Protein backbone atom coordinates (compact mmCIF):
# COMPACT_ATOMS: atom_id res chain seq x y z
CA MET A 1 24.62 15.66 24.73
CA ILE A 2 27.24 15.52 22.02
CA VAL A 3 29.32 12.36 21.95
CA THR A 4 32.87 12.59 20.65
CA GLU A 5 34.28 10.08 18.21
CA THR A 6 36.60 8.76 20.93
CA GLN A 7 33.67 8.20 23.30
CA ARG A 8 31.70 6.41 20.58
CA LEU A 9 34.66 4.18 19.71
CA THR A 10 35.22 3.40 23.39
CA TRP A 11 31.58 2.37 23.77
CA GLN A 12 31.74 0.19 20.65
CA ARG A 13 34.96 -1.42 21.87
CA ASP A 14 33.29 -2.22 25.19
CA VAL A 15 30.35 -3.80 23.34
CA LEU A 16 32.77 -5.94 21.31
CA ASN A 17 34.58 -6.97 24.48
CA GLU A 18 31.31 -8.10 26.06
CA ALA A 19 30.36 -10.04 22.91
CA ARG A 20 33.77 -11.70 22.98
CA ARG A 21 33.33 -12.67 26.62
CA LEU A 22 29.94 -14.24 25.86
CA LEU A 23 31.35 -16.17 22.90
CA VAL A 24 34.22 -17.53 25.00
CA ASN A 25 31.68 -18.81 27.52
CA LEU A 26 29.53 -20.31 24.76
CA ARG A 27 32.53 -22.02 23.17
CA ARG A 28 32.92 -24.24 26.26
CA ASP A 29 29.46 -25.72 25.76
CA VAL A 30 29.48 -26.56 22.04
CA GLY A 31 30.94 -29.28 19.86
CA HIS A 32 34.31 -29.15 18.13
CA GLY A 33 32.99 -27.89 14.78
CA GLN A 34 30.99 -25.09 16.37
CA ALA A 35 33.94 -24.17 18.60
CA ILE A 36 36.10 -23.67 15.50
CA GLU A 37 33.50 -21.31 14.03
CA ILE A 38 33.27 -19.42 17.33
CA ASN A 39 37.08 -19.11 17.35
CA ASN A 40 36.88 -17.53 13.89
CA ILE A 41 34.31 -15.01 15.12
CA ILE A 42 36.42 -14.25 18.21
CA ALA A 43 39.43 -13.61 15.96
CA GLN A 44 37.39 -11.11 13.93
CA ILE A 45 36.24 -9.38 17.11
CA ASP A 46 39.84 -9.21 18.34
CA SER A 47 40.88 -7.56 15.07
CA ALA A 48 38.10 -5.00 15.36
CA MET A 49 39.07 -4.28 18.97
CA VAL A 50 42.70 -3.68 17.97
CA ILE A 51 41.57 -1.21 15.32
CA ALA A 52 39.31 0.50 17.89
CA TRP A 53 42.21 0.76 20.38
CA GLU A 54 44.40 2.36 17.70
CA LEU A 55 41.70 4.84 16.70
CA ILE A 56 40.92 5.68 20.32
CA GLY A 57 44.61 6.32 20.96
CA LYS A 58 44.82 8.63 17.94
CA GLY A 59 41.66 10.43 19.08
CA GLU A 60 43.04 10.94 22.58
CA LYS A 61 46.29 12.33 21.17
CA LYS A 62 44.30 14.67 18.90
CA ASP A 63 42.16 15.82 21.84
CA ALA A 64 45.28 16.46 23.92
CA HIS A 65 46.74 18.66 21.18
CA THR A 66 43.54 20.59 20.55
CA GLY A 67 42.42 20.78 24.17
CA THR A 68 39.00 19.26 23.46
CA ASN A 69 37.23 16.34 25.15
């Protein structure tokens, strides 16, 4: 099975989203200093997810123009 770039990016975005969810849950149970570090990691994940959303959108537009999936 051949996986398109858009499918791969969607999967990676979903993995990042799950990691973010787990970090948010962990943040509740740690001290203030650790929570700050977790917030920094969450911010990096959010940035990566925004980039993935933009690339997925461009890939979907490209697929619509070329007629590929």
